[in-house]
Amino acid sequence: MIRFVCNKKYLLFFILLFLIEAGIAYFLKSGFIRYTVGDFLVVILLYCFLKGFLKGNSRAIALVTLGIAYTVEFLQATNFLGVLGLKQHQWAHLVFGNSFSIQDLVAYTLGILLVIYLENRSPDH
């Protein structure tokens, strides 16, 4: 069962990861850290955001997070930003991306596997 909560620990991790992601986006315009590490971290950021407000099975929340990431990635293979009228907005390309990549799916998967591993090692688990 999932309940709504306010978990400060996860929200602090979310804020920290958001600042790191913003720094990566601002200072790095290309390369491994910008794309691969950024994708690895973004699923952890999204997981921390969800865990900041939801109390429930960590593995289930991790899999929902991965499902969201995969959905956004697969939407990049379509013209969904154009359909939504957001194609000309730079922020939409930054948030949603603009090209499908298997490498991104691998980065998302590895990020969630790290989350599951850390959650299983946590004394709160």
PDB file of N, CA and C in Angstrom:
ATOM      1  N   MET A   1       0.841  -1.179   0.000  1.00  0.00           N
ATOM      2  CA  MET A   1       0.000   0.000   0.000  1.00  0.00           C
ATOM      3  C   MET A   1       0.886   1.242   0.000  1.00  0.00           C
ATOM      4  N   ILE A   2       0.503   2.209  -0.810  1.00  0.00           N
ATOM      5  CA  ILE A   2       1.263   3.453  -0.898  1.00  0.00           C
ATOM      6  C   ILE A   2       0.511   4.535  -0.137  1.00  0.00           C
ATOM      7  N   ARG A   3       1.263   5.263   0.699  1.00  0.00           N
ATOM      8  CA  ARG A   3       0.694   6.382   1.459  1.00  0.00           C
ATOM      9  C   ARG A   3       1.456   7.651   1.111  1.00  0.00           C
ATOM     10  N   PHE A   4       0.785   8.781   1.245  1.00  0.00           N
ATOM     11  CA  PHE A   4       1.432  10.066   1.027  1.00  0.00           C
ATOM     12  C   PHE A   4       2.107  10.510   2.314  1.00  0.00           C
ATOM     13  N   VAL A   5       3.355  10.953   2.192  1.00  0.00           N
ATOM     14  CA  VAL A   5       4.152  11.395   3.330  1.00  0.00           C
ATOM     15  C   VAL A   5       5.005  12.579   2.888  1.00  0.00           C
ATOM     16  N   CYS A   6       5.772  13.098   3.816  1.00  0.00           N
ATOM     17  CA  CYS A   6       6.809  14.077   3.495  1.00  0.00           C
ATOM     18  C   CYS A   6       8.099  13.557   4.117  1.00  0.00           C
ATOM     19  N   ASN A   7       8.941  12.955   3.288  1.00  0.00           N
ATOM     20  CA  ASN A   7      10.182  12.367   3.760  1.00  0.00           C
ATOM     21  C   ASN A   7      11.324  13.327   3.444  1.00  0.00           C
ATOM     22  N   LYS A   8      11.806  14.019   4.477  1.00  0.00           N
ATOM     23  CA  LYS A   8      12.824  15.051   4.290  1.00  0.00           C
ATOM     24  C   LYS A   8      14.130  14.494   3.747  1.00  0.00           C
ATOM     25  N   LYS A   9      14.484  13.280   4.136  1.00  0.00           N
ATOM     26  CA  LYS A   9      15.737  12.678   3.664  1.00  0.00           C
ATOM     27  C   LYS A   9      15.727  12.557   2.138  1.00  0.00           C
ATOM     28  N   TYR A  10      14.659  12.004   1.593  1.00  0.00           N
ATOM     29  CA  TYR A  10      14.586  11.832   0.145  1.00  0.00           C
ATOM     30  C   TYR A  10      14.438  13.171  -0.573  1.00  0.00           C
ATOM     31  N   LEU A  11      13.729  14.110   0.037  1.00  0.00           N
ATOM     32  CA  LEU A  11      13.597  15.425  -0.584  1.00  0.00           C
ATOM     33  C   LEU A  11      14.931  16.162  -0.604  1.00  0.00           C
ATOM     34  N   LEU A  12      15.755  15.987   0.433  1.00  0.00           N
ATOM     35  CA  LEU A  12      17.098  16.582   0.430  1.00  0.00           C
ATOM     36  C   LEU A  12      17.970  15.956  -0.655  1.00  0.00           C
ATOM     37  N   PHE A  13      17.895  14.632  -0.801  1.00  0.00           N
ATOM     38  CA  PHE A  13      18.626  13.971  -1.887  1.00  0.00           C
ATOM     39  C   PHE A  13      18.142  14.483  -3.243  1.00  0.00           C
ATOM     40  N   PHE A  14      16.822  14.668  -3.376  1.00  0.00           N
ATOM     41  CA  PHE A  14      16.261  15.196  -4.619  1.00  0.00           C
ATOM     42  C   PHE A  14      16.845  16.572  -4.929  1.00  0.00           C
ATOM     43  N   ILE A  15      16.859  17.458  -3.938  1.00  0.00           N
ATOM     44  CA  ILE A  15      17.383  18.812  -4.149  1.00  0.00           C
ATOM     45  C   ILE A  15      18.860  18.766  -4.522  1.00  0.00           C
ATOM     46  N   LEU A  16      19.636  17.949  -3.819  1.00  0.00           N
ATOM     47  CA  LEU A  16      21.061  17.816  -4.117  1.00  0.00           C
ATOM     48  C   LEU A  16      21.269  17.315  -5.552  1.00  0.00           C
ATOM     49  N   LEU A  17      20.549  16.270  -5.926  1.00  0.00           N
ATOM     50  CA  LEU A  17      20.679  15.741  -7.282  1.00  0.00           C
ATOM     51  C   LEU A  17      20.195  16.736  -8.330  1.00  0.00           C
ATOM     52  N   PHE A  18      19.154  17.500  -8.013  1.00  0.00           N
ATOM     53  CA  PHE A  18      18.674  18.523  -8.934  1.00  0.00           C
ATOM     54  C   PHE A  18      19.754  19.570  -9.180  1.00  0.00           C
ATOM     55  N   LEU A  19      20.425  19.998  -8.114  1.00  0.00           N
ATOM     56  CA  LEU A  19      21.498  20.984  -8.259  1.00  0.00           C
ATOM     57  C   LEU A  19      22.658  20.418  -9.077  1.00  0.00           C
ATOM     58  N   ILE A  20      22.997  19.157  -8.855  1.00  0.00           N
ATOM     59  CA  ILE A  20      24.052  18.513  -9.644  1.00  0.00           C
ATOM     60  C   ILE A  20      23.641  18.440 -11.111  1.00  0.00           C
ATOM     61  N   GLU A  21      22.410  18.018 -11.370  1.00  0.00           N
ATOM     62  CA  GLU A  21      21.918  17.930 -12.752  1.00  0.00           C
ATOM     63  C   GLU A  21      21.895  19.312 -13.414  1.00  0.00           C
ATOM     64  N   ALA A  22      21.472  20.330 -12.674  1.00  0.00           N
ATOM     65  CA  ALA A  22      21.454  21.688 -13.226  1.00  0.00           C
ATOM     66  C   ALA A  22      22.872  22.144 -13.558  1.00  0.00           C
ATOM     67  N   GLY A  23      23.820  21.831 -12.684  1.00  0.00           N
ATOM     68  CA  GLY A  23      25.218  22.171 -12.943  1.00  0.00           C
ATOM     69  C   GLY A  23      25.752  21.459 -14.168  1.00  0.00           C
ATOM     70  N   ILE A  24      25.434  20.193 -14.301  1.00  0.00           N
ATOM     71  CA  ILE A  24      25.861  19.430 -15.483  1.00  0.00           C
ATOM     72  C   ILE A  24      25.265  20.057 -16.744  1.00  0.00           C
ATOM     73  N   ALA A  25      23.978  20.377 -16.713  1.00  0.00           N
ATOM     74  CA  ALA A  25      23.311  20.953 -17.887  1.00  0.00           C
ATOM     75  C   ALA A  25      23.875  22.330 -18.231  1.00  0.00           C
ATOM     76  N   TYR A  26      24.217  23.117 -17.214  1.00  0.00           N
ATOM     77  CA  TYR A  26      24.695  24.481 -17.447  1.00  0.00           C
ATOM     78  C   TYR A  26      26.144  24.505 -17.931  1.00  0.00           C
ATOM     79  N   PHE A  27      26.994  23.706 -17.290  1.00  0.00           N
ATOM     80  CA  PHE A  27      28.425  23.792 -17.565  1.00  0.00           C
ATOM     81  C   PHE A  27      28.921  22.835 -18.649  1.00  0.00           C
ATOM     82  N   LEU A  28      28.242  21.740 -18.863  1.00  0.00           N
ATOM     83  CA  LEU A  28      28.696  20.752 -19.844  1.00  0.00           C
ATOM     84  C   LEU A  28      27.696  20.676 -20.986  1.00  0.00           C
ATOM     85  N   LYS A  29      28.154  20.917 -22.173  1.00  0.00           N
ATOM     86  CA  LYS A  29      27.256  20.927 -23.335  1.00  0.00           C
ATOM     87  C   LYS A  29      27.279  19.614 -24.108  1.00  0.00           C
ATOM     88  N   SER A  30      28.232  18.753 -23.808  1.00  0.00           N
ATOM     89  CA  SER A  30      28.294  17.456 -24.482  1.00  0.00           C
ATOM     90  C   SER A  30      29.201  16.529 -23.683  1.00  0.00           C
ATOM     91  N   GLY A  31      29.267  15.286 -24.119  1.00  0.00           N
ATOM     92  CA  GLY A  31      30.184  14.333 -23.515  1.00  0.00           C
ATOM     93  C   GLY A  31      29.508  13.314 -22.612  1.00  0.00           C
ATOM     94  N   PHE A  32      30.329  12.411 -22.107  1.00  0.00           N
ATOM     95  CA  PHE A  32      29.868  11.289 -21.298  1.00  0.00           C
ATOM     96  C   PHE A  32      29.137  11.745 -20.036  1.00  0.00           C
ATOM     97  N   ILE A  33      29.705  12.719 -19.326  1.00  0.00           N
ATOM     98  CA  ILE A  33      29.071  13.173 -18.077  1.00  0.00           C
ATOM     99  C   ILE A  33      27.735  13.829 -18.382  1.00  0.00           C
ATOM    100  N   ARG A  34      27.674  14.684 -19.393  1.00  0.00           N
ATOM    101  CA  ARG A  34      26.429  15.387 -19.723  1.00  0.00           C
ATOM    102  C   ARG A  34      25.318  14.394 -20.061  1.00  0.00           C
ATOM    103  N   TYR A  35      25.629  13.428 -20.906  1.00  0.00           N
ATOM    104  CA  TYR A  35      24.574  12.550 -21.389  1.00  0.00           C
ATOM    105  C   TYR A  35      24.406  11.295 -20.541  1.00  0.00           C
ATOM    106  N   THR A  36      25.438  10.516 -20.404  1.00  0.00           N
ATOM    107  CA  THR A  36      25.285   9.221 -19.736  1.00  0.00           C
ATOM    108  C   THR A  36      25.153   9.363 -18.227  1.00  0.00           C
ATOM    109  N   VAL A  37      26.065  10.095 -17.601  1.00  0.00           N
ATOM    110  CA  VAL A  37      25.977  10.283 -16.144  1.00  0.00           C
ATOM    111  C   VAL A  37      24.714  11.072 -15.801  1.00  0.00           C
ATOM    112  N   GLY A  38      24.376  12.053 -16.616  1.00  0.00           N
ATOM    113  CA  GLY A  38      23.144  12.805 -16.393  1.00  0.00           C
ATOM    114  C   GLY A  38      21.913  11.918 -16.419  1.00  0.00           C
ATOM    115  N   ASP A  39      21.856  10.993 -17.370  1.00  0.00           N
ATOM    116  CA  ASP A  39      20.721  10.061 -17.451  1.00  0.00           C
ATOM    117  C   ASP A  39      20.723   9.083 -16.281  1.00  0.00           C
ATOM    118  N   PHE A  40      21.896   8.637 -15.885  1.00  0.00           N
ATOM    119  CA  PHE A  40      22.039   7.753 -14.722  1.00  0.00           C
ATOM    120  C   PHE A  40      21.485   8.445 -13.471  1.00  0.00           C
ATOM    121  N   LEU A  41      21.856   9.719 -13.295  1.00  0.00           N
ATOM    122  CA  LEU A  41      21.430  10.460 -12.105  1.00  0.00           C
ATOM    123  C   LEU A  41      19.965  10.876 -12.149  1.00  0.00           C
ATOM    124  N   VAL A  42      19.426  11.124 -13.346  1.00  0.00           N
ATOM    125  CA  VAL A  42      18.061  11.654 -13.420  1.00  0.00           C
ATOM    126  C   VAL A  42      17.034  10.652 -12.909  1.00  0.00           C
ATOM    127  N   VAL A  43      17.259   9.350 -13.111  1.00  0.00           N
ATOM    128  CA  VAL A  43      16.296   8.384 -12.571  1.00  0.00           C
ATOM    129  C   VAL A  43      16.404   8.300 -11.053  1.00  0.00           C
ATOM    130  N   ILE A  44      17.598   8.498 -10.526  1.00  0.00           N
ATOM    131  CA  ILE A  44      17.764   8.526  -9.069  1.00  0.00           C
ATOM    132  C   ILE A  44      17.080   9.770  -8.514  1.00  0.00           C
ATOM    133  N   LEU A  45      17.223  10.895  -9.215  1.00  0.00           N
ATOM    134  CA  LEU A  45      16.550  12.139  -8.831  1.00  0.00           C
ATOM    135  C   LEU A  45      15.033  11.941  -8.814  1.00  0.00           C
ATOM    136  N   LEU A  46      14.490  11.350  -9.870  1.00  0.00           N
ATOM    137  CA  LEU A  46      13.043  11.114  -9.948  1.00  0.00           C
ATOM    138  C   LEU A  46      12.583  10.159  -8.852  1.00  0.00           C
ATOM    139  N   TYR A  47      13.358   9.117  -8.598  1.00  0.00           N
ATOM    140  CA  TYR A  47      13.040   8.174  -7.523  1.00  0.00           C
ATOM    141  C   TYR A  47      13.001   8.907  -6.179  1.00  0.00           C
ATOM    142  N   CYS A  48      14.001   9.737  -5.908  1.00  0.00           N
ATOM    143  CA  CYS A  48      14.035  10.476  -4.638  1.00  0.00           C
ATOM    144  C   CYS A  48      12.846  11.422  -4.520  1.00  0.00           C
ATOM    145  N   PHE A  49      12.452  12.038  -5.639  1.00  0.00           N
ATOM    146  CA  PHE A  49      11.274  12.901  -5.621  1.00  0.00           C
ATOM    147  C   PHE A  49      10.030  12.106  -5.238  1.00  0.00           C
ATOM    148  N   LEU A  50       9.844  10.960  -5.885  1.00  0.00           N
ATOM    149  CA  LEU A  50       8.672  10.134  -5.577  1.00  0.00           C
ATOM    150  C   LEU A  50       8.705   9.637  -4.134  1.00  0.00           C
ATOM    151  N   LYS A  51       9.876   9.175  -3.679  1.00  0.00           N
ATOM    152  CA  LYS A  51      10.000   8.689  -2.297  1.00  0.00           C
ATOM    153  C   LYS A  51       9.858   9.827  -1.290  1.00  0.00           C
ATOM    154  N   GLY A  52      10.076  11.048  -1.731  1.00  0.00           N
ATOM    155  CA  GLY A  52       9.879  12.192  -0.852  1.00  0.00           C
ATOM    156  C   GLY A  52       8.422  12.397  -0.481  1.00  0.00           C
ATOM    157  N   PHE A  53       7.523  11.869  -1.310  1.00  0.00           N
ATOM    158  CA  PHE A  53       6.093  12.054  -1.073  1.00  0.00           C
ATOM    159  C   PHE A  53       5.297  10.759  -0.943  1.00  0.00           C
ATOM    160  N   LEU A  54       5.917   9.641  -1.288  1.00  0.00           N
ATOM    161  CA  LEU A  54       5.212   8.358  -1.244  1.00  0.00           C
ATOM    162  C   LEU A  54       5.922   7.386  -0.320  1.00  0.00           C
ATOM    163  N   LYS A  55       5.153   6.743   0.546  1.00  0.00           N
ATOM    164  CA  LYS A  55       5.703   5.679   1.384  1.00  0.00           C
ATOM    165  C   LYS A  55       5.106   4.379   0.883  1.00  0.00           C
ATOM    166  N   GLY A  56       5.978   3.475   0.504  1.00  0.00           N
ATOM    167  CA  GLY A  56       5.520   2.198  -0.023  1.00  0.00           C
ATOM    168  C   GLY A  56       6.701   1.327  -0.372  1.00  0.00           C
ATOM    169  N   ASN A  57       6.442   0.261  -1.067  1.00  0.00           N
ATOM    170  CA  ASN A  57       7.473  -0.675  -1.465  1.00  0.00           C
ATOM    171  C   ASN A  57       8.501   0.021  -2.354  1.00  0.00           C
ATOM    172  N   SER A  58       9.743   0.057  -1.884  1.00  0.00           N
ATOM    173  CA  SER A  58      10.804   0.763  -2.607  1.00  0.00           C
ATOM    174  C   SER A  58      11.038   0.185  -3.992  1.00  0.00           C
ATOM    175  N   ARG A  59      10.993  -1.125  -4.108  1.00  0.00           N
ATOM    176  CA  ARG A  59      11.219  -1.751  -5.412  1.00  0.00           C
ATOM    177  C   ARG A  59      10.106  -1.364  -6.386  1.00  0.00           C
ATOM    178  N   ALA A  60       8.867  -1.322  -5.914  1.00  0.00           N
ATOM    179  CA  ALA A  60       7.749  -0.936  -6.781  1.00  0.00           C
ATOM    180  C   ALA A  60       7.903   0.512  -7.243  1.00  0.00           C
ATOM    181  N   ILE A  61       8.287   1.390  -6.326  1.00  0.00           N
ATOM    182  CA  ILE A  61       8.482   2.798  -6.694  1.00  0.00           C
ATOM    183  C   ILE A  61       9.650   2.926  -7.662  1.00  0.00           C
ATOM    184  N   ALA A  62      10.695   2.135  -7.467  1.00  0.00           N
ATOM    185  CA  ALA A  62      11.834   2.141  -8.390  1.00  0.00           C
ATOM    186  C   ALA A  62      11.403   1.692  -9.784  1.00  0.00           C
ATOM    187  N   LEU A  63      10.570   0.669  -9.857  1.00  0.00           N
ATOM    188  CA  LEU A  63      10.111   0.178 -11.159  1.00  0.00           C
ATOM    189  C   LEU A  63       9.174   1.175 -11.839  1.00  0.00           C
ATOM    190  N   VAL A  64       8.349   1.870 -11.061  1.00  0.00           N
ATOM    191  CA  VAL A  64       7.509   2.935 -11.628  1.00  0.00           C
ATOM    192  C   VAL A  64       8.400   4.040 -12.184  1.00  0.00           C
ATOM    193  N   THR A  65       9.439   4.398 -11.434  1.00  0.00           N
ATOM    194  CA  THR A  65      10.390   5.414 -11.885  1.00  0.00           C
ATOM    195  C   THR A  65      11.027   4.995 -13.205  1.00  0.00           C
ATOM    196  N   LEU A  66      11.467   3.754 -13.280  1.00  0.00           N
ATOM    197  CA  LEU A  66      12.078   3.253 -14.512  1.00  0.00           C
ATOM    198  C   LEU A  66      11.065   3.264 -15.657  1.00  0.00           C
ATOM    199  N   GLY A  67       9.817   2.919 -15.361  1.00  0.00           N
ATOM    200  CA  GLY A  67       8.767   2.963 -16.379  1.00  0.00           C
ATOM    201  C   GLY A  67       8.549   4.368 -16.921  1.00  0.00           C
ATOM    202  N   ILE A  68       8.578   5.357 -16.040  1.00  0.00           N
ATOM    203  CA  ILE A  68       8.437   6.758 -16.467  1.00  0.00           C
ATOM    204  C   ILE A  68       9.604   7.140 -17.376  1.00  0.00           C
ATOM    205  N   ALA A  69      10.818   6.791 -16.957  1.00  0.00           N
ATOM    206  CA  ALA A  69      12.007   7.126 -17.748  1.00  0.00           C
ATOM    207  C   ALA A  69      11.961   6.457 -19.121  1.00  0.00           C
ATOM    208  N   TYR A  70      11.598   5.182 -19.158  1.00  0.00           N
ATOM    209  CA  TYR A  70      11.497   4.466 -20.431  1.00  0.00           C
ATOM    210  C   TYR A  70      10.424   5.095 -21.318  1.00  0.00           C
ATOM    211  N   THR A  71       9.289   5.461 -20.733  1.00  0.00           N
ATOM    212  CA  THR A  71       8.203   6.065 -21.508  1.00  0.00           C
ATOM    213  C   THR A  71       8.661   7.358 -22.164  1.00  0.00           C
ATOM    214  N   VAL A  72       9.309   8.223 -21.385  1.00  0.00           N
ATOM    215  CA  VAL A  72       9.808   9.483 -21.938  1.00  0.00           C
ATOM    216  C   VAL A  72      10.830   9.200 -23.038  1.00  0.00           C
ATOM    217  N   GLU A  73      11.706   8.231 -22.808  1.00  0.00           N
ATOM    218  CA  GLU A  73      12.723   7.898 -23.819  1.00  0.00           C
ATOM    219  C   GLU A  73      12.073   7.395 -25.107  1.00  0.00           C
ATOM    220  N   PHE A  74      11.103   6.502 -24.991  1.00  0.00           N
ATOM    221  CA  PHE A  74      10.444   5.990 -26.198  1.00  0.00           C
ATOM    222  C   PHE A  74       9.626   7.077 -26.894  1.00  0.00           C
ATOM    223  N   LEU A  75       9.079   8.024 -26.135  1.00  0.00           N
ATOM    224  CA  LEU A  75       8.362   9.145 -26.752  1.00  0.00           C
ATOM    225  C   LEU A  75       9.301  10.008 -27.592  1.00  0.00           C
ATOM    226  N   GLN A  76      10.590  10.003 -27.251  1.00  0.00           N
ATOM    227  CA  GLN A  76      11.560  10.787 -28.018  1.00  0.00           C
ATOM    228  C   GLN A  76      11.704  10.273 -29.451  1.00  0.00           C
ATOM    229  N   ALA A  77      11.311   9.037 -29.689  1.00  0.00           N
ATOM    230  CA  ALA A  77      11.352   8.482 -31.046  1.00  0.00           C
ATOM    231  C   ALA A  77      10.180   8.992 -31.884  1.00  0.00           C
ATOM    232  N   THR A  78       9.272   9.727 -31.259  1.00  0.00           N
ATOM    233  CA  THR A  78       8.108  10.278 -31.954  1.00  0.00           C
ATOM    234  C   THR A  78       8.227  11.800 -31.992  1.00  0.00           C
ATOM    235  N   ASN A  79       7.212  12.446 -32.488  1.00  0.00           N
ATOM    236  CA  ASN A  79       7.160  13.906 -32.544  1.00  0.00           C
ATOM    237  C   ASN A  79       6.307  14.454 -31.394  1.00  0.00           C
ATOM    238  N   PHE A  80       6.445  13.872 -30.196  1.00  0.00           N
ATOM    239  CA  PHE A  80       5.527  14.249 -29.118  1.00  0.00           C
ATOM    240  C   PHE A  80       5.700  15.698 -28.676  1.00  0.00           C
ATOM    241  N   LEU A  81       6.908  16.259 -28.752  1.00  0.00           N
ATOM    242  CA  LEU A  81       7.069  17.673 -28.400  1.00  0.00           C
ATOM    243  C   LEU A  81       6.347  18.557 -29.408  1.00  0.00           C
ATOM    244  N   GLY A  82       6.376  18.171 -30.661  1.00  0.00           N
ATOM    245  CA  GLY A  82       5.645  18.907 -31.688  1.00  0.00           C
ATOM    246  C   GLY A  82       4.146  18.819 -31.483  1.00  0.00           C
ATOM    247  N   VAL A  83       3.664  17.631 -31.157  1.00  0.00           N
ATOM    248  CA  VAL A  83       2.229  17.428 -30.912  1.00  0.00           C
ATOM    249  C   VAL A  83       1.763  18.276 -29.734  1.00  0.00           C
ATOM    250  N   LEU A  84       2.611  18.376 -28.699  1.00  0.00           N
ATOM    251  CA  LEU A  84       2.263  19.178 -27.522  1.00  0.00           C
ATOM    252  C   LEU A  84       2.518  20.670 -27.730  1.00  0.00           C
ATOM    253  N   GLY A  85       3.082  21.040 -28.880  1.00  0.00           N
ATOM    254  CA  GLY A  85       3.385  22.439 -29.160  1.00  0.00           C
ATOM    255  C   GLY A  85       4.588  22.954 -28.385  1.00  0.00           C
ATOM    256  N   LEU A  86       5.495  22.058 -28.032  1.00  0.00           N
ATOM    257  CA  LEU A  86       6.657  22.439 -27.214  1.00  0.00           C
ATOM    258  C   LEU A  86       7.979  22.332 -27.961  1.00  0.00           C
ATOM    259  N   LYS A  87       7.924  22.024 -29.246  1.00  0.00           N
ATOM    260  CA  LYS A  87       9.155  21.765 -30.000  1.00  0.00           C
ATOM    261  C   LYS A  87      10.097  22.971 -30.015  1.00  0.00           C
ATOM    262  N   GLN A  88       9.566  24.168 -30.001  1.00  0.00           N
ATOM    263  CA  GLN A  88      10.397  25.367 -30.072  1.00  0.00           C
ATOM    264  C   GLN A  88      10.927  25.811 -28.710  1.00  0.00           C
ATOM    265  N   HIS A  89      10.523  25.153 -27.640  1.00  0.00           N
ATOM    266  CA  HIS A  89      10.950  25.541 -26.294  1.00  0.00           C
ATOM    267  C   HIS A  89      12.195  24.761 -25.868  1.00  0.00           C
ATOM    268  N   GLN A  90      13.271  25.493 -25.587  1.00  0.00           N
ATOM    269  CA  GLN A  90      14.538  24.875 -25.197  1.00  0.00           C
ATOM    270  C   GLN A  90      14.394  24.055 -23.919  1.00  0.00           C
ATOM    271  N   TRP A  91      13.610  24.542 -22.957  1.00  0.00           N
ATOM    272  CA  TRP A  91      13.451  23.822 -21.689  1.00  0.00           C
ATOM    273  C   TRP A  91      12.817  22.453 -21.911  1.00  0.00           C
ATOM    274  N   ALA A  92      11.916  22.349 -22.900  1.00  0.00           N
ATOM    275  CA  ALA A  92      11.272  21.062 -23.179  1.00  0.00           C
ATOM    276  C   ALA A  92      12.294  20.056 -23.696  1.00  0.00           C
ATOM    277  N   HIS A  93      13.219  20.522 -24.527  1.00  0.00           N
ATOM    278  CA  HIS A  93      14.275  19.636 -25.022  1.00  0.00           C
ATOM    279  C   HIS A  93      15.214  19.232 -23.894  1.00  0.00           C
ATOM    280  N   LEU A  94      15.460  20.141 -22.970  1.00  0.00           N
ATOM    281  CA  LEU A  94      16.329  19.845 -21.829  1.00  0.00           C
ATOM    282  C   LEU A  94      15.675  18.820 -20.902  1.00  0.00           C
ATOM    283  N   VAL A  95      14.394  18.993 -20.616  1.00  0.00           N
ATOM    284  CA  VAL A  95      13.688  18.102 -19.692  1.00  0.00           C
ATOM    285  C   VAL A  95      13.375  16.756 -20.339  1.00  0.00           C
ATOM    286  N   PHE A  96      12.849  16.778 -21.555  1.00  0.00           N
ATOM    287  CA  PHE A  96      12.369  15.551 -22.191  1.00  0.00           C
ATOM    288  C   PHE A  96      13.356  14.937 -23.181  1.00  0.00           C
ATOM    289  N   GLY A  97      14.379  15.694 -23.554  1.00  0.00           N
ATOM    290  CA  GLY A  97      15.313  15.195 -24.558  1.00  0.00           C
ATOM    291  C   GLY A  97      14.703  15.309 -25.937  1.00  0.00           C
ATOM    292  N   ASN A  98      15.497  14.936 -26.948  1.00  0.00           N
ATOM    293  CA  ASN A  98      14.957  15.053 -28.299  1.00  0.00           C
ATOM    294  C   ASN A  98      15.366  13.924 -29.236  1.00  0.00           C
ATOM    295  N   SER A  99      16.056  12.923 -28.708  1.00  0.00           N
ATOM    296  CA  SER A  99      16.393  11.786 -29.570  1.00  0.00           C
ATOM    297  C   SER A  99      16.454  10.503 -28.747  1.00  0.00           C
ATOM    298  N   PHE A 100      15.906   9.449 -29.318  1.00  0.00           N
ATOM    299  CA  PHE A 100      15.887   8.149 -28.660  1.00  0.00           C
ATOM    300  C   PHE A 100      17.283   7.540 -28.684  1.00  0.00           C
ATOM    301  N   SER A 101      17.668   6.892 -27.573  1.00  0.00           N
ATOM    302  CA  SER A 101      18.971   6.237 -27.510  1.00  0.00           C
ATOM    303  C   SER A 101      18.898   5.019 -26.593  1.00  0.00           C
ATOM    304  N   ILE A 102      19.380   3.903 -27.093  1.00  0.00           N
ATOM    305  CA  ILE A 102      19.471   2.691 -26.266  1.00  0.00           C
ATOM    306  C   ILE A 102      20.408   2.948 -25.086  1.00  0.00           C
ATOM    307  N   GLN A 103      21.460   3.736 -25.316  1.00  0.00           N
ATOM    308  CA  GLN A 103      22.419   4.062 -24.256  1.00  0.00           C
ATOM    309  C   GLN A 103      21.710   4.731 -23.078  1.00  0.00           C
ATOM    310  N   ASP A 104      20.719   5.559 -23.356  1.00  0.00           N
ATOM    311  CA  ASP A 104      19.957   6.203 -22.283  1.00  0.00           C
ATOM    312  C   ASP A 104      19.191   5.164 -21.465  1.00  0.00           C
ATOM    313  N   LEU A 105      18.594   4.190 -22.154  1.00  0.00           N
ATOM    314  CA  LEU A 105      17.863   3.132 -21.451  1.00  0.00           C
ATOM    315  C   LEU A 105      18.797   2.348 -20.532  1.00  0.00           C
ATOM    316  N   VAL A 106      20.018   2.102 -20.996  1.00  0.00           N
ATOM    317  CA  VAL A 106      21.006   1.399 -20.169  1.00  0.00           C
ATOM    318  C   VAL A 106      21.358   2.249 -18.947  1.00  0.00           C
ATOM    319  N   ALA A 107      21.568   3.555 -19.143  1.00  0.00           N
ATOM    320  CA  ALA A 107      21.895   4.442 -18.020  1.00  0.00           C
ATOM    321  C   ALA A 107      20.753   4.480 -17.006  1.00  0.00           C
ATOM    322  N   TYR A 108      19.511   4.563 -17.481  1.00  0.00           N
ATOM    323  CA  TYR A 108      18.358   4.553 -16.574  1.00  0.00           C
ATOM    324  C   TYR A 108      18.304   3.253 -15.782  1.00  0.00           C
ATOM    325  N   THR A 109      18.511   2.153 -16.478  1.00  0.00           N
ATOM    326  CA  THR A 109      18.447   0.843 -15.825  1.00  0.00           C
ATOM    327  C   THR A 109      19.529   0.710 -14.763  1.00  0.00           C
ATOM    328  N   LEU A 110      20.746   1.130 -15.081  1.00  0.00           N
ATOM    329  CA  LEU A 110      21.839   1.057 -14.105  1.00  0.00           C
ATOM    330  C   LEU A 110      21.568   1.962 -12.903  1.00  0.00           C
ATOM    331  N   GLY A 111      20.986   3.135 -13.145  1.00  0.00           N
ATOM    332  CA  GLY A 111      20.638   4.030 -12.042  1.00  0.00           C
ATOM    333  C   GLY A 111      19.625   3.399 -11.104  1.00  0.00           C
ATOM    334  N   ILE A 112      18.612   2.763 -11.661  1.00  0.00           N
ATOM    335  CA  ILE A 112      17.586   2.117 -10.834  1.00  0.00           C
ATOM    336  C   ILE A 112      18.139   0.885 -10.139  1.00  0.00           C
ATOM    337  N   LEU A 113      19.019   0.148 -10.803  1.00  0.00           N
ATOM    338  CA  LEU A 113      19.652  -0.996 -10.131  1.00  0.00           C
ATOM    339  C   LEU A 113      20.465  -0.537  -8.924  1.00  0.00           C
ATOM    340  N   LEU A 114      21.137   0.608  -9.044  1.00  0.00           N
ATOM    341  CA  LEU A 114      21.861   1.158  -7.892  1.00  0.00           C
ATOM    342  C   LEU A 114      20.889   1.524  -6.775  1.00  0.00           C
ATOM    343  N   VAL A 115      19.777   2.145  -7.125  1.00  0.00           N
ATOM    344  CA  VAL A 115      18.758   2.500  -6.132  1.00  0.00           C
ATOM    345  C   VAL A 115      18.272   1.253  -5.396  1.00  0.00           C
ATOM    346  N   ILE A 116      17.928   0.209  -6.139  1.00  0.00           N
ATOM    347  CA  ILE A 116      17.425  -1.024  -5.524  1.00  0.00           C
ATOM    348  C   ILE A 116      18.489  -1.638  -4.622  1.00  0.00           C
ATOM    349  N   TYR A 117      19.732  -1.655  -5.085  1.00  0.00           N
ATOM    350  CA  TYR A 117      20.835  -2.190  -4.282  1.00  0.00           C
ATOM    351  C   TYR A 117      20.983  -1.406  -2.974  1.00  0.00           C
ATOM    352  N   LEU A 118      21.000  -0.079  -3.071  1.00  0.00           N
ATOM    353  CA  LEU A 118      21.164   0.749  -1.869  1.00  0.00           C
ATOM    354  C   LEU A 118      19.975   0.623  -0.929  1.00  0.00           C
ATOM    355  N   GLU A 119      18.776   0.556  -1.488  1.00  0.00           N
ATOM    356  CA  GLU A 119      17.585   0.407  -0.647  1.00  0.00           C
ATOM    357  C   GLU A 119      17.596  -0.942   0.075  1.00  0.00           C
ATOM    358  N   ASN A 120      18.059  -1.986  -0.588  1.00  0.00           N
ATOM    359  CA  ASN A 120      18.130  -3.305   0.050  1.00  0.00           C
ATOM    360  C   ASN A 120      19.170  -3.348   1.159  1.00  0.00           C
ATOM    361  N   ARG A 121      20.192  -2.520   1.068  1.00  0.00           N
ATOM    362  CA  ARG A 121      21.235  -2.466   2.096  1.00  0.00           C
ATOM    363  C   ARG A 121      20.863  -1.537   3.247  1.00  0.00           C
ATOM    364  N   SER A 122      19.860  -0.708   3.042  1.00  0.00           N
ATOM    365  CA  SER A 122      19.459   0.277   4.045  1.00  0.00           C
ATOM    366  C   SER A 122      18.892  -0.406   5.286  1.00  0.00           C
ATOM    367  N   PRO A 123      19.254   0.086   6.480  1.00  0.00           N
ATOM    368  CA  PRO A 123      18.687  -0.495   7.699  1.00  0.00           C
ATOM    369  C   PRO A 123      17.176  -0.275   7.810  1.00  0.00           C
ATOM    370  N   ASP A 124      16.644   0.703   7.087  1.00  0.00           N
ATOM    371  CA  ASP A 124      15.199   0.971   7.105  1.00  0.00           C
ATOM    372  C   ASP A 124      14.427  -0.029   6.267  1.00  0.00           C
ATOM    373  N   HIS A 125      15.127  -0.818   5.461  1.00  0.00           N
ATOM    374  CA  HIS A 125      14.474  -1.743   4.529  1.00  0.00           C
ATOM    375  C   HIS A 125      13.827  -2.902   5.245  1.00  0.00           C
TER     376      HIS A 125
END
